[in-house]
């Protein structure tokens, strides 16, 4: 019998990079999130308001969204509602509050 293939090699090839879209109107929060997440998660983009978030999801197709609840122009909760209605590919959303 032959030896079994190295499973770690195959696991690395099968894993895809998770792409995140960050939405917050506080630059320091975005920078902090970026430092925490990279390099484990690829930052697909950053936006500063809810309308830009909705548009960016369509364009960038991230795997996850990390959004501030109190985004200007369209709050994070309403932006995620709109995204869920029109874009079923993005299944993971994390809303946060930054005073």
PDB file of N, CA and C in Angstrom:
ATOM      1  N   UNK A   1       0.823  -1.176   0.000  1.00  0.00           N
ATOM      2  CA  UNK A   1       0.000   0.000   0.000  1.00  0.00           C
ATOM      3  C   UNK A   1       0.874   1.249   0.000  1.00  0.00           C
ATOM      4  N   UNK A   2       0.430   2.259  -0.711  1.00  0.00           N
ATOM      5  CA  UNK A   2       1.153   3.529  -0.771  1.00  0.00           C
ATOM      6  C   UNK A   2       0.871   4.358   0.460  1.00  0.00           C
ATOM      7  N   UNK A   3       1.687   5.339   0.649  1.00  0.00           N
ATOM      8  CA  UNK A   3       1.487   6.202   1.803  1.00  0.00           C
ATOM      9  C   UNK A   3       0.360   7.204   1.530  1.00  0.00           C
ATOM     10  N   UNK A   4      -0.284   7.625   2.569  1.00  0.00           N
ATOM     11  CA  UNK A   4      -1.384   8.585   2.448  1.00  0.00           C
ATOM     12  C   UNK A   4      -0.816   9.959   2.097  1.00  0.00           C
ATOM     13  N   UNK A   5      -1.549  10.733   1.297  1.00  0.00           N
ATOM     14  CA  UNK A   5      -1.065  12.076   0.957  1.00  0.00           C
ATOM     15  C   UNK A   5      -1.035  12.978   2.189  1.00  0.00           C
ATOM     16  N   UNK A   6      -0.180  13.944   2.147  1.00  0.00           N
ATOM     17  CA  UNK A   6      -0.071  14.903   3.241  1.00  0.00           C
ATOM     18  C   UNK A   6      -1.335  15.759   3.271  1.00  0.00           C
ATOM     19  N   UNK A   7      -2.128  15.612   4.318  1.00  0.00           N
ATOM     20  CA  UNK A   7      -3.406  16.329   4.374  1.00  0.00           C
ATOM     21  C   UNK A   7      -3.212  17.827   4.549  1.00  0.00           C
ATOM     22  N   UNK A   8      -2.156  18.257   5.226  1.00  0.00           N
ATOM     23  CA  UNK A   8      -1.921  19.688   5.401  1.00  0.00           C
ATOM     24  C   UNK A   8      -1.725  20.374   4.054  1.00  0.00           C
ATOM     25  N   UNK A   9      -1.028  19.724   3.136  1.00  0.00           N
ATOM     26  CA  UNK A   9      -0.818  20.292   1.803  1.00  0.00           C
ATOM     27  C   UNK A   9      -2.152  20.505   1.100  1.00  0.00           C
ATOM     28  N   UNK A  10      -3.017  19.513   1.156  1.00  0.00           N
ATOM     29  CA  UNK A  10      -4.306  19.625   0.482  1.00  0.00           C
ATOM     30  C   UNK A  10      -5.206  20.656   1.153  1.00  0.00           C
ATOM     31  N   UNK A  11      -5.172  20.745   2.461  1.00  0.00           N
ATOM     32  CA  UNK A  11      -5.993  21.727   3.172  1.00  0.00           C
ATOM     33  C   UNK A  11      -5.601  23.142   2.780  1.00  0.00           C
ATOM     34  N   UNK A  12      -4.322  23.424   2.664  1.00  0.00           N
ATOM     35  CA  UNK A  12      -3.871  24.759   2.291  1.00  0.00           C
ATOM     36  C   UNK A  12      -4.363  25.138   0.904  1.00  0.00           C
ATOM     37  N   UNK A  13      -4.361  24.183  -0.012  1.00  0.00           N
ATOM     38  CA  UNK A  13      -4.821  24.470  -1.365  1.00  0.00           C
ATOM     39  C   UNK A  13      -6.327  24.689  -1.413  1.00  0.00           C
ATOM     40  N   UNK A  14      -7.082  24.000  -0.568  1.00  0.00           N
ATOM     41  CA  UNK A  14      -8.532  24.093  -0.583  1.00  0.00           C
ATOM     42  C   UNK A  14      -9.053  25.370   0.072  1.00  0.00           C
ATOM     43  N   UNK A  15      -8.290  25.929   0.999  1.00  0.00           N
ATOM     44  CA  UNK A  15      -8.743  27.125   1.713  1.00  0.00           C
ATOM     45  C   UNK A  15      -8.654  28.342   0.800  1.00  0.00           C
ATOM     46  N   UNK A  16      -9.706  29.116   0.799  1.00  0.00           N
ATOM     47  CA  UNK A  16      -9.667  30.361   0.037  1.00  0.00           C
ATOM     48  C   UNK A  16      -9.576  31.523   1.012  1.00  0.00           C
ATOM     49  N   UNK A  17      -9.079  32.614   0.534  1.00  0.00           N
ATOM     50  CA  UNK A  17      -8.925  33.801   1.367  1.00  0.00           C
ATOM     51  C   UNK A  17     -10.289  34.452   1.570  1.00  0.00           C
ATOM     52  N   UNK A  18     -10.604  34.767   2.803  1.00  0.00           N
ATOM     53  CA  UNK A  18     -11.844  35.465   3.124  1.00  0.00           C
ATOM     54  C   UNK A  18     -11.632  36.944   2.834  1.00  0.00           C
ATOM     55  N   UNK A  19     -12.590  37.537   2.128  1.00  0.00           N
ATOM     56  CA  UNK A  19     -12.509  38.952   1.759  1.00  0.00           C
ATOM     57  C   UNK A  19     -13.548  39.737   2.554  1.00  0.00           C
ATOM     58  N   UNK A  20     -13.090  40.793   3.232  1.00  0.00           N
ATOM     59  CA  UNK A  20     -13.978  41.599   4.070  1.00  0.00           C
ATOM     60  C   UNK A  20     -14.101  43.016   3.525  1.00  0.00           C
ATOM     61  N   UNK A  21     -15.286  43.578   3.691  1.00  0.00           N
ATOM     62  CA  UNK A  21     -15.541  44.983   3.375  1.00  0.00           C
ATOM     63  C   UNK A  21     -15.782  45.701   4.696  1.00  0.00           C
ATOM     64  N   UNK A  22     -15.018  46.756   4.956  1.00  0.00           N
ATOM     65  CA  UNK A  22     -15.132  47.521   6.195  1.00  0.00           C
ATOM     66  C   UNK A  22     -15.924  48.793   5.941  1.00  0.00           C
ATOM     67  N   UNK A  23     -16.874  49.084   6.825  1.00  0.00           N
ATOM     68  CA  UNK A  23     -17.701  50.287   6.692  1.00  0.00           C
ATOM     69  C   UNK A  23     -17.762  51.004   8.027  1.00  0.00           C
ATOM     70  N   UNK A  24     -17.085  52.146   8.097  1.00  0.00           N
ATOM     71  CA  UNK A  24     -17.072  52.945   9.315  1.00  0.00           C
ATOM     72  C   UNK A  24     -16.628  54.351   8.949  1.00  0.00           C
ATOM     73  N   UNK A  25     -17.218  55.363   9.581  1.00  0.00           N
ATOM     74  CA  UNK A  25     -16.818  56.727   9.254  1.00  0.00           C
ATOM     75  C   UNK A  25     -15.754  57.287  10.203  1.00  0.00           C
ATOM     76  N   UNK A  26     -15.184  56.432  11.018  1.00  0.00           N
ATOM     77  CA  UNK A  26     -14.078  56.802  11.892  1.00  0.00           C
ATOM     78  C   UNK A  26     -12.803  56.149  11.348  1.00  0.00           C
ATOM     79  N   UNK A  27     -11.900  56.928  10.762  1.00  0.00           N
ATOM     80  CA  UNK A  27     -10.679  56.349  10.188  1.00  0.00           C
ATOM     81  C   UNK A  27      -9.872  55.520  11.179  1.00  0.00           C
ATOM     82  N   UNK A  28      -9.843  55.906  12.438  1.00  0.00           N
ATOM     83  CA  UNK A  28      -9.058  55.159  13.420  1.00  0.00           C
ATOM     84  C   UNK A  28      -9.648  53.763  13.671  1.00  0.00           C
ATOM     85  N   UNK A  29     -10.977  53.653  13.599  1.00  0.00           N
ATOM     86  CA  UNK A  29     -11.618  52.349  13.764  1.00  0.00           C
ATOM     87  C   UNK A  29     -11.292  51.448  12.569  1.00  0.00           C
ATOM     88  N   UNK A  30     -11.369  52.007  11.374  1.00  0.00           N
ATOM     89  CA  UNK A  30     -11.037  51.232  10.166  1.00  0.00           C
ATOM     90  C   UNK A  30      -9.587  50.750  10.238  1.00  0.00           C
ATOM     91  N   UNK A  31      -8.692  51.626  10.635  1.00  0.00           N
ATOM     92  CA  UNK A  31      -7.281  51.247  10.747  1.00  0.00           C
ATOM     93  C   UNK A  31      -7.094  50.153  11.797  1.00  0.00           C
ATOM     94  N   UNK A  32      -7.782  50.266  12.917  1.00  0.00           N
ATOM     95  CA  UNK A  32      -7.699  49.236  13.948  1.00  0.00           C
ATOM     96  C   UNK A  32      -8.225  47.894  13.469  1.00  0.00           C
ATOM     97  N   UNK A  33      -9.356  47.910  12.784  1.00  0.00           N
ATOM     98  CA  UNK A  33      -9.907  46.659  12.229  1.00  0.00           C
ATOM     99  C   UNK A  33      -8.945  46.045  11.224  1.00  0.00           C
ATOM    100  N   UNK A  34      -8.393  46.898  10.369  1.00  0.00           N
ATOM    101  CA  UNK A  34      -7.441  46.415   9.362  1.00  0.00           C
ATOM    102  C   UNK A  34      -6.250  45.726  10.034  1.00  0.00           C
ATOM    103  N   UNK A  35      -5.710  46.339  11.067  1.00  0.00           N
ATOM    104  CA  UNK A  35      -4.543  45.766  11.762  1.00  0.00           C
ATOM    105  C   UNK A  35      -4.880  44.448  12.445  1.00  0.00           C
ATOM    106  N   UNK A  36      -6.089  44.326  12.952  1.00  0.00           N
ATOM    107  CA  UNK A  36      -6.504  43.083  13.611  1.00  0.00           C
ATOM    108  C   UNK A  36      -6.717  41.972  12.587  1.00  0.00           C
ATOM    109  N   UNK A  37      -7.351  42.301  11.480  1.00  0.00           N
ATOM    110  CA  UNK A  37      -7.772  41.284  10.517  1.00  0.00           C
ATOM    111  C   UNK A  37      -6.674  40.814   9.565  1.00  0.00           C
ATOM    112  N   UNK A  38      -5.843  41.745   9.115  1.00  0.00           N
ATOM    113  CA  UNK A  38      -4.794  41.355   8.172  1.00  0.00           C
ATOM    114  C   UNK A  38      -3.665  40.653   8.915  1.00  0.00           C
ATOM    115  N   UNK A  39      -3.009  39.687   8.349  1.00  0.00           N
ATOM    116  CA  UNK A  39      -3.147  39.154   7.004  1.00  0.00           C
ATOM    117  C   UNK A  39      -4.107  37.972   6.892  1.00  0.00           C
ATOM    118  N   UNK A  40      -4.763  37.599   7.980  1.00  0.00           N
ATOM    119  CA  UNK A  40      -5.670  36.446   7.940  1.00  0.00           C
ATOM    120  C   UNK A  40      -6.852  36.663   7.006  1.00  0.00           C
ATOM    121  N   UNK A  41      -7.307  37.900   6.919  1.00  0.00           N
ATOM    122  CA  UNK A  41      -8.465  38.245   6.091  1.00  0.00           C
ATOM    123  C   UNK A  41      -8.051  39.358   5.145  1.00  0.00           C
ATOM    124  N   UNK A  42      -8.392  39.198   3.871  1.00  0.00           N
ATOM    125  CA  UNK A  42      -8.095  40.231   2.884  1.00  0.00           C
ATOM    126  C   UNK A  42      -9.135  41.343   2.979  1.00  0.00           C
ATOM    127  N   UNK A  43      -8.693  42.584   3.063  1.00  0.00           N
ATOM    128  CA  UNK A  43      -9.612  43.716   3.094  1.00  0.00           C
ATOM    129  C   UNK A  43      -9.914  44.095   1.644  1.00  0.00           C
ATOM    130  N   UNK A  44     -11.152  43.815   1.228  1.00  0.00           N
ATOM    131  CA  UNK A  44     -11.567  44.072  -0.151  1.00  0.00           C
ATOM    132  C   UNK A  44     -11.791  45.551  -0.395  1.00  0.00           C
ATOM    133  N   UNK A  45     -12.172  46.288   0.653  1.00  0.00           N
ATOM    134  CA  UNK A  45     -12.412  47.713   0.505  1.00  0.00           C
ATOM    135  C   UNK A  45     -12.864  48.337   1.804  1.00  0.00           C
ATOM    136  N   UNK A  46     -12.930  49.656   1.771  1.00  0.00           N
ATOM    137  CA  UNK A  46     -13.373  50.443   2.925  1.00  0.00           C
ATOM    138  C   UNK A  46     -14.320  51.522   2.425  1.00  0.00           C
ATOM    139  N   UNK A  47     -15.401  51.755   3.173  1.00  0.00           N
ATOM    140  CA  UNK A  47     -16.349  52.819   2.840  1.00  0.00           C
ATOM    141  C   UNK A  47     -16.687  53.588   4.107  1.00  0.00           C
ATOM    142  N   UNK A  48     -17.222  54.822   3.923  1.00  0.00           N
ATOM    143  CA  UNK A  48     -17.492  55.666   5.095  1.00  0.00           C
ATOM    144  C   UNK A  48     -18.966  55.980   5.298  1.00  0.00           C
ATOM    145  N   UNK A  49     -19.849  55.456   4.422  1.00  0.00           N
ATOM    146  CA  UNK A  49     -21.285  55.674   4.635  1.00  0.00           C
ATOM    147  C   UNK A  49     -22.083  54.488   4.102  1.00  0.00           C
ATOM    148  N   UNK A  50     -23.348  54.435   4.513  1.00  0.00           N
ATOM    149  CA  UNK A  50     -24.200  53.305   4.168  1.00  0.00           C
ATOM    150  C   UNK A  50     -24.501  53.167   2.688  1.00  0.00           C
ATOM    151  N   UNK A  51     -24.689  54.276   1.995  1.00  0.00           N
ATOM    152  CA  UNK A  51     -24.948  54.207   0.553  1.00  0.00           C
ATOM    153  C   UNK A  51     -23.735  53.641  -0.183  1.00  0.00           C
ATOM    154  N   UNK A  52     -22.553  54.093   0.220  1.00  0.00           N
ATOM    155  CA  UNK A  52     -21.324  53.565  -0.382  1.00  0.00           C
ATOM    156  C   UNK A  52     -21.164  52.081  -0.071  1.00  0.00           C
ATOM    157  N   UNK A  53     -21.608  51.650   1.105  1.00  0.00           N
ATOM    158  CA  UNK A  53     -21.547  50.239   1.477  1.00  0.00           C
ATOM    159  C   UNK A  53     -22.384  49.396   0.528  1.00  0.00           C
ATOM    160  N   UNK A  54     -23.612  49.811   0.289  1.00  0.00           N
ATOM    161  CA  UNK A  54     -24.498  49.059  -0.620  1.00  0.00           C
ATOM    162  C   UNK A  54     -23.865  48.961  -2.004  1.00  0.00           C
ATOM    163  N   UNK A  55     -23.337  50.058  -2.507  1.00  0.00           N
ATOM    164  CA  UNK A  55     -22.715  50.062  -3.839  1.00  0.00           C
ATOM    165  C   UNK A  55     -21.451  49.203  -3.871  1.00  0.00           C
ATOM    166  N   UNK A  56     -20.642  49.287  -2.821  1.00  0.00           N
ATOM    167  CA  UNK A  56     -19.382  48.547  -2.787  1.00  0.00           C
ATOM    168  C   UNK A  56     -19.604  47.036  -2.736  1.00  0.00           C
ATOM    169  N   UNK A  57     -20.657  46.602  -2.052  1.00  0.00           N
ATOM    170  CA  UNK A  57     -20.944  45.166  -1.991  1.00  0.00           C
ATOM    171  C   UNK A  57     -21.221  44.628  -3.394  1.00  0.00           C
ATOM    172  N   UNK A  58     -21.991  45.361  -4.172  1.00  0.00           N
ATOM    173  CA  UNK A  58     -22.284  44.938  -5.542  1.00  0.00           C
ATOM    174  C   UNK A  58     -21.010  44.850  -6.373  1.00  0.00           C
ATOM    175  N   UNK A  59     -20.130  45.811  -6.205  1.00  0.00           N
ATOM    176  CA  UNK A  59     -18.910  45.884  -7.007  1.00  0.00           C
ATOM    177  C   UNK A  59     -17.845  44.894  -6.547  1.00  0.00           C
ATOM    178  N   UNK A  60     -17.612  44.819  -5.239  1.00  0.00           N
ATOM    179  CA  UNK A  60     -16.488  44.056  -4.702  1.00  0.00           C
ATOM    180  C   UNK A  60     -16.808  42.615  -4.329  1.00  0.00           C
ATOM    181  N   UNK A  61     -18.089  42.304  -4.093  1.00  0.00           N
ATOM    182  CA  UNK A  61     -18.518  40.949  -3.725  1.00  0.00           C
ATOM    183  C   UNK A  61     -17.698  40.355  -2.574  1.00  0.00           C
ATOM    184  N   UNK A  62     -17.686  41.016  -1.409  1.00  0.00           N
ATOM    185  CA  UNK A  62     -16.925  40.489  -0.270  1.00  0.00           C
ATOM    186  C   UNK A  62     -17.608  39.255   0.323  1.00  0.00           C
ATOM    187  N   UNK A  63     -16.847  38.507   1.094  1.00  0.00           N
ATOM    188  CA  UNK A  63     -17.404  37.351   1.806  1.00  0.00           C
ATOM    189  C   UNK A  63     -18.098  37.795   3.081  1.00  0.00           C
ATOM    190  N   UNK A  64     -17.535  38.811   3.743  1.00  0.00           N
ATOM    191  CA  UNK A  64     -18.117  39.323   4.976  1.00  0.00           C
ATOM    192  C   UNK A  64     -18.147  40.851   4.952  1.00  0.00           C
ATOM    193  N   UNK A  65     -19.057  41.404   5.729  1.00  0.00           N
ATOM    194  CA  UNK A  65     -19.170  42.847   5.889  1.00  0.00           C
ATOM    195  C   UNK A  65     -19.038  43.155   7.378  1.00  0.00           C
ATOM    196  N   UNK A  66     -18.175  44.107   7.704  1.00  0.00           N
ATOM    197  CA  UNK A  66     -18.073  44.606   9.074  1.00  0.00           C
ATOM    198  C   UNK A  66     -18.455  46.077   8.997  1.00  0.00           C
ATOM    199  N   UNK A  67     -19.618  46.408   9.553  1.00  0.00           N
ATOM    200  CA  UNK A  67     -20.165  47.751   9.380  1.00  0.00           C
ATOM    201  C   UNK A  67     -20.551  48.378  10.706  1.00  0.00           C
ATOM    202  N   UNK A  68     -20.323  49.667  10.788  1.00  0.00           N
ATOM    203  CA  UNK A  68     -20.762  50.469  11.925  1.00  0.00           C
ATOM    204  C   UNK A  68     -22.283  50.618  11.862  1.00  0.00           C
ATOM    205  N   UNK A  69     -22.938  50.543  12.988  1.00  0.00           N
ATOM    206  CA  UNK A  69     -24.396  50.707  13.022  1.00  0.00           C
ATOM    207  C   UNK A  69     -24.791  52.123  12.626  1.00  0.00           C
ATOM    208  N   UNK A  70     -24.057  53.115  13.116  1.00  0.00           N
ATOM    209  CA  UNK A  70     -24.460  54.506  12.899  1.00  0.00           C
ATOM    210  C   UNK A  70     -23.725  55.159  11.724  1.00  0.00           C
ATOM    211  N   UNK A  71     -23.694  54.493  10.576  1.00  0.00           N
ATOM    212  CA  UNK A  71     -23.083  55.075   9.381  1.00  0.00           C
ATOM    213  C   UNK A  71     -23.881  56.287   8.918  1.00  0.00           C
ATOM    214  N   UNK A  72     -23.209  57.303   8.363  1.00  0.00           N
ATOM    215  CA  UNK A  72     -23.932  58.446   7.798  1.00  0.00           C
ATOM    216  C   UNK A  72     -24.672  58.062   6.510  1.00  0.00           C
ATOM    217  N   UNK A  73     -25.626  58.870   6.123  1.00  0.00           N
ATOM    218  CA  UNK A  73     -26.449  58.762   4.911  1.00  0.00           C
ATOM    219  C   UNK A  73     -27.427  57.589   4.933  1.00  0.00           C
ATOM    220  N   UNK A  74     -26.990  56.445   5.373  1.00  0.00           N
ATOM    221  CA  UNK A  74     -27.847  55.256   5.496  1.00  0.00           C
ATOM    222  C   UNK A  74     -27.219  54.420   6.601  1.00  0.00           C
ATOM    223  N   UNK A  75     -27.946  54.214   7.709  1.00  0.00           N
ATOM    224  CA  UNK A  75     -27.313  53.513   8.827  1.00  0.00           C
ATOM    225  C   UNK A  75     -26.959  52.072   8.463  1.00  0.00           C
ATOM    226  N   UNK A  76     -26.046  51.487   9.231  1.00  0.00           N
ATOM    227  CA  UNK A  76     -25.551  50.144   8.939  1.00  0.00           C
ATOM    228  C   UNK A  76     -26.627  49.087   8.929  1.00  0.00           C
ATOM    229  N   UNK A  77     -27.613  49.202   9.813  1.00  0.00           N
ATOM    230  CA  UNK A  77     -28.692  48.209   9.865  1.00  0.00           C
ATOM    231  C   UNK A  77     -29.505  48.249   8.577  1.00  0.00           C
ATOM    232  N   UNK A  78     -29.892  49.439   8.147  1.00  0.00           N
ATOM    233  CA  UNK A  78     -30.680  49.563   6.916  1.00  0.00           C
ATOM    234  C   UNK A  78     -29.856  49.176   5.684  1.00  0.00           C
ATOM    235  N   UNK A  79     -28.580  49.524   5.683  1.00  0.00           N
ATOM    236  CA  UNK A  79     -27.718  49.149   4.559  1.00  0.00           C
ATOM    237  C   UNK A  79     -27.642  47.627   4.427  1.00  0.00           C
ATOM    238  N   UNK A  80     -27.468  46.929   5.552  1.00  0.00           N
ATOM    239  CA  UNK A  80     -27.407  45.460   5.515  1.00  0.00           C
ATOM    240  C   UNK A  80     -28.753  44.881   5.066  1.00  0.00           C
ATOM    241  N   UNK A  81     -29.863  45.471   5.502  1.00  0.00           N
ATOM    242  CA  UNK A  81     -31.176  45.010   5.027  1.00  0.00           C
ATOM    243  C   UNK A  81     -31.271  45.108   3.507  1.00  0.00           C
ATOM    244  N   UNK A  82     -30.843  46.235   2.954  1.00  0.00           N
ATOM    245  CA  UNK A  82     -30.887  46.409   1.505  1.00  0.00           C
ATOM    246  C   UNK A  82     -29.972  45.413   0.799  1.00  0.00           C
ATOM    247  N   UNK A  83     -28.800  45.200   1.346  1.00  0.00           N
ATOM    248  CA  UNK A  83     -27.852  44.251   0.757  1.00  0.00           C
ATOM    249  C   UNK A  83     -28.434  42.843   0.770  1.00  0.00           C
ATOM    250  N   UNK A  84     -29.059  42.446   1.864  1.00  0.00           N
ATOM    251  CA  UNK A  84     -29.638  41.100   1.965  1.00  0.00           C
ATOM    252  C   UNK A  84     -30.760  40.884   0.969  1.00  0.00           C
ATOM    253  N   UNK A  85     -31.492  41.947   0.634  1.00  0.00           N
ATOM    254  CA  UNK A  85     -32.579  41.832  -0.342  1.00  0.00           C
ATOM    255  C   UNK A  85     -32.050  41.633  -1.750  1.00  0.00           C
ATOM    256  N   UNK A  86     -30.949  42.275  -2.068  1.00  0.00           N
ATOM    257  CA  UNK A  86     -30.459  42.272  -3.449  1.00  0.00           C
ATOM    258  C   UNK A  86     -29.251  41.378  -3.687  1.00  0.00           C
ATOM    259  N   UNK A  87     -28.529  40.999  -2.647  1.00  0.00           N
ATOM    260  CA  UNK A  87     -27.298  40.249  -2.829  1.00  0.00           C
ATOM    261  C   UNK A  87     -27.251  39.069  -1.864  1.00  0.00           C
ATOM    262  N   UNK A  88     -27.651  37.934  -2.332  1.00  0.00           N
ATOM    263  CA  UNK A  88     -27.687  36.737  -1.483  1.00  0.00           C
ATOM    264  C   UNK A  88     -26.315  36.095  -1.308  1.00  0.00           C
ATOM    265  N   UNK A  89     -25.318  36.531  -2.062  1.00  0.00           N
ATOM    266  CA  UNK A  89     -23.987  35.933  -1.972  1.00  0.00           C
ATOM    267  C   UNK A  89     -23.276  36.300  -0.678  1.00  0.00           C
ATOM    268  N   UNK A  90     -23.562  37.475  -0.152  1.00  0.00           N
ATOM    269  CA  UNK A  90     -22.932  37.910   1.100  1.00  0.00           C
ATOM    270  C   UNK A  90     -23.817  37.432   2.237  1.00  0.00           C
ATOM    271  N   UNK A  91     -23.330  36.439   2.972  1.00  0.00           N
ATOM    272  CA  UNK A  91     -24.142  35.839   4.025  1.00  0.00           C
ATOM    273  C   UNK A  91     -23.713  36.266   5.422  1.00  0.00           C
ATOM    274  N   UNK A  92     -22.538  36.825   5.552  1.00  0.00           N
ATOM    275  CA  UNK A  92     -22.016  37.148   6.872  1.00  0.00           C
ATOM    276  C   UNK A  92     -21.914  38.643   7.065  1.00  0.00           C
ATOM    277  N   UNK A  93     -22.577  39.134   8.112  1.00  0.00           N
ATOM    278  CA  UNK A  93     -22.583  40.548   8.422  1.00  0.00           C
ATOM    279  C   UNK A  93     -22.282  40.725   9.902  1.00  0.00           C
ATOM    280  N   UNK A  94     -21.437  41.674  10.203  1.00  0.00           N
ATOM    281  CA  UNK A  94     -21.146  42.003  11.591  1.00  0.00           C
ATOM    282  C   UNK A  94     -21.336  43.504  11.742  1.00  0.00           C
ATOM    283  N   UNK A  95     -22.255  43.885  12.587  1.00  0.00           N
ATOM    284  CA  UNK A  95     -22.502  45.293  12.864  1.00  0.00           C
ATOM    285  C   UNK A  95     -21.854  45.645  14.193  1.00  0.00           C
ATOM    286  N   UNK A  96     -21.254  46.815  14.258  1.00  0.00           N
ATOM    287  CA  UNK A  96     -20.621  47.244  15.511  1.00  0.00           C
ATOM    288  C   UNK A  96     -20.986  48.688  15.793  1.00  0.00           C
ATOM    289  N   UNK A  97     -20.808  49.063  17.028  1.00  0.00           N
ATOM    290  CA  UNK A  97     -21.088  50.442  17.443  1.00  0.00           C
ATOM    291  C   UNK A  97     -19.794  51.087  17.897  1.00  0.00           C
ATOM    292  N   UNK A  98     -19.489  52.232  17.339  1.00  0.00           N
ATOM    293  CA  UNK A  98     -18.302  52.999  17.756  1.00  0.00           C
ATOM    294  C   UNK A  98     -18.771  54.394  18.150  1.00  0.00           C
ATOM    295  N   UNK A  99     -18.743  54.719  19.442  1.00  0.00           N
ATOM    296  CA  UNK A  99     -19.235  56.026  19.892  1.00  0.00           C
ATOM    297  C   UNK A  99     -18.409  57.184  19.360  1.00  0.00           C
TER     298      UNK A  99
END
